[in-house]
Amino acid sequence: MSAPKPKRLVIVQDSDTKLFLRADGRWTPDAAAAQDFHESLSAVTFCLQRGLERAHILMKFNVPGASDVVIPISPRSPAPSEETENVPGSSL
């Protein structure tokens, strides 16, 4: 008896080529062959540490009627300006 499919896959996809990242670091057109990171934070951290700026995280749900969720990767957030750092009423 084979193991049941996970209800959710968290995989990395190249935004331009639409290929998926495998566990061995190669790219594949087959989402089922992609590395499952299990958690979106793990996938985002992986991409940022390796400079995969053209990638996004794809959460694929193995549930009837569920839509896939795309999480874009942003390599760096802009540094806040002095104007936004001193927002009135903030606790900072």
Protein backbone atom coordinates (compact mmCIF):
# COMPACT_ATOMS: atom_id res chain seq x y z
CA MET A 1 0.00 0.00 0.00
CA SER A 2 1.43 3.38 -0.96
CA ALA A 3 1.59 6.34 1.41
CA PRO A 4 -1.21 8.88 1.06
CA LYS A 5 -0.41 12.10 -0.77
CA PRO A 6 0.19 15.06 1.54
CA LYS A 7 -2.70 17.51 1.67
CA ARG A 8 -0.35 20.37 0.82
CA LEU A 9 2.93 20.70 -1.06
CA VAL A 10 5.19 23.70 -0.57
CA ILE A 11 7.47 23.91 -3.60
CA VAL A 12 9.69 26.43 -5.37
CA GLN A 13 8.93 27.45 -8.94
CA ASP A 14 10.97 29.64 -11.27
CA SER A 15 8.71 32.57 -12.20
CA ASP A 16 10.10 32.81 -15.73
CA THR A 17 10.58 29.21 -16.85
CA LYS A 18 7.78 27.72 -14.68
CA LEU A 19 10.13 24.86 -13.75
CA PHE A 20 10.13 23.39 -10.22
CA LEU A 21 13.13 22.90 -7.93
CA ARG A 22 14.06 19.31 -7.13
CA ALA A 23 15.84 18.19 -3.93
CA ASP A 24 19.08 17.72 -5.91
CA GLY A 25 19.05 21.40 -6.97
CA ARG A 26 18.03 20.74 -10.57
CA TRP A 27 14.89 22.08 -12.21
CA THR A 28 12.04 19.94 -13.54
CA PRO A 29 8.75 20.59 -15.36
CA ASP A 30 7.07 18.02 -13.06
CA ALA A 31 5.60 19.53 -9.87
CA ALA A 32 5.28 16.04 -8.39
CA ALA A 33 9.08 15.64 -8.60
CA ALA A 34 9.75 18.94 -6.81
CA GLN A 35 11.22 19.15 -3.33
CA ASP A 36 8.49 19.58 -0.72
CA PHE A 37 9.60 22.12 1.89
CA HIS A 38 6.52 21.37 4.05
CA GLU A 39 6.48 24.95 5.41
CA SER A 40 6.44 28.19 3.43
CA LEU A 41 8.98 29.86 5.75
CA SER A 42 11.51 27.11 5.01
CA ALA A 43 11.03 27.59 1.27
CA VAL A 44 11.31 31.39 1.47
CA THR A 45 14.46 31.17 3.62
CA PHE A 46 15.99 28.67 1.19
CA CYS A 47 15.34 30.96 -1.79
CA LEU A 48 16.65 34.09 -0.07
CA GLN A 49 19.82 32.36 1.14
CA ARG A 50 20.55 31.16 -2.40
CA GLY A 51 19.59 34.34 -4.22
CA LEU A 52 16.71 32.76 -6.13
CA GLU A 53 15.13 36.12 -6.89
CA ARG A 54 13.13 34.87 -9.90
CA ALA A 55 11.45 32.17 -7.84
CA HIS A 56 8.16 32.06 -6.01
CA ILE A 57 6.71 29.62 -3.53
CA LEU A 58 3.81 27.54 -4.75
CA MET A 59 1.50 25.91 -2.24
CA LYS A 60 -0.39 23.14 -4.00
CA PHE A 61 -3.35 21.66 -2.16
CA ASN A 62 -4.42 18.06 -2.77
CA VAL A 63 -7.99 18.87 -1.83
CA PRO A 64 -10.85 18.96 -4.33
CA GLY A 65 -11.77 22.54 -5.23
CA ALA A 66 -8.74 24.11 -3.54
CA SER A 67 -6.71 26.69 -5.44
CA ASP A 68 -2.94 26.89 -5.49
CA VAL A 69 -1.37 29.79 -3.58
CA VAL A 70 1.59 31.72 -5.00
CA ILE A 71 3.93 33.52 -2.59
CA PRO A 72 6.35 35.89 -4.36
CA ILE A 73 9.93 36.10 -3.13
CA SER A 74 11.22 39.56 -2.34
CA PRO A 75 15.00 39.50 -1.92
CA ARG A 76 15.12 42.62 0.23
CA SER A 77 12.55 44.86 1.78
CA PRO A 78 13.33 48.54 1.47
CA ALA A 79 14.75 50.10 4.61
CA PRO A 80 12.19 52.25 6.38
CA SER A 81 12.69 55.98 6.05
CA GLU A 82 12.86 58.25 9.08
CA GLU A 83 9.32 59.39 8.29
CA THR A 84 7.91 55.86 8.65
CA GLU A 85 10.05 54.95 11.66
CA ASN A 86 8.51 57.68 13.82
CA VAL A 87 4.83 57.05 13.28
CA PRO A 88 2.77 58.90 15.90
CA GLY A 89 1.11 56.54 18.32
CA SER A 90 3.54 53.68 17.63
CA SER A 91 5.22 51.91 20.51
CA LEU A 92 8.66 52.03 18.91
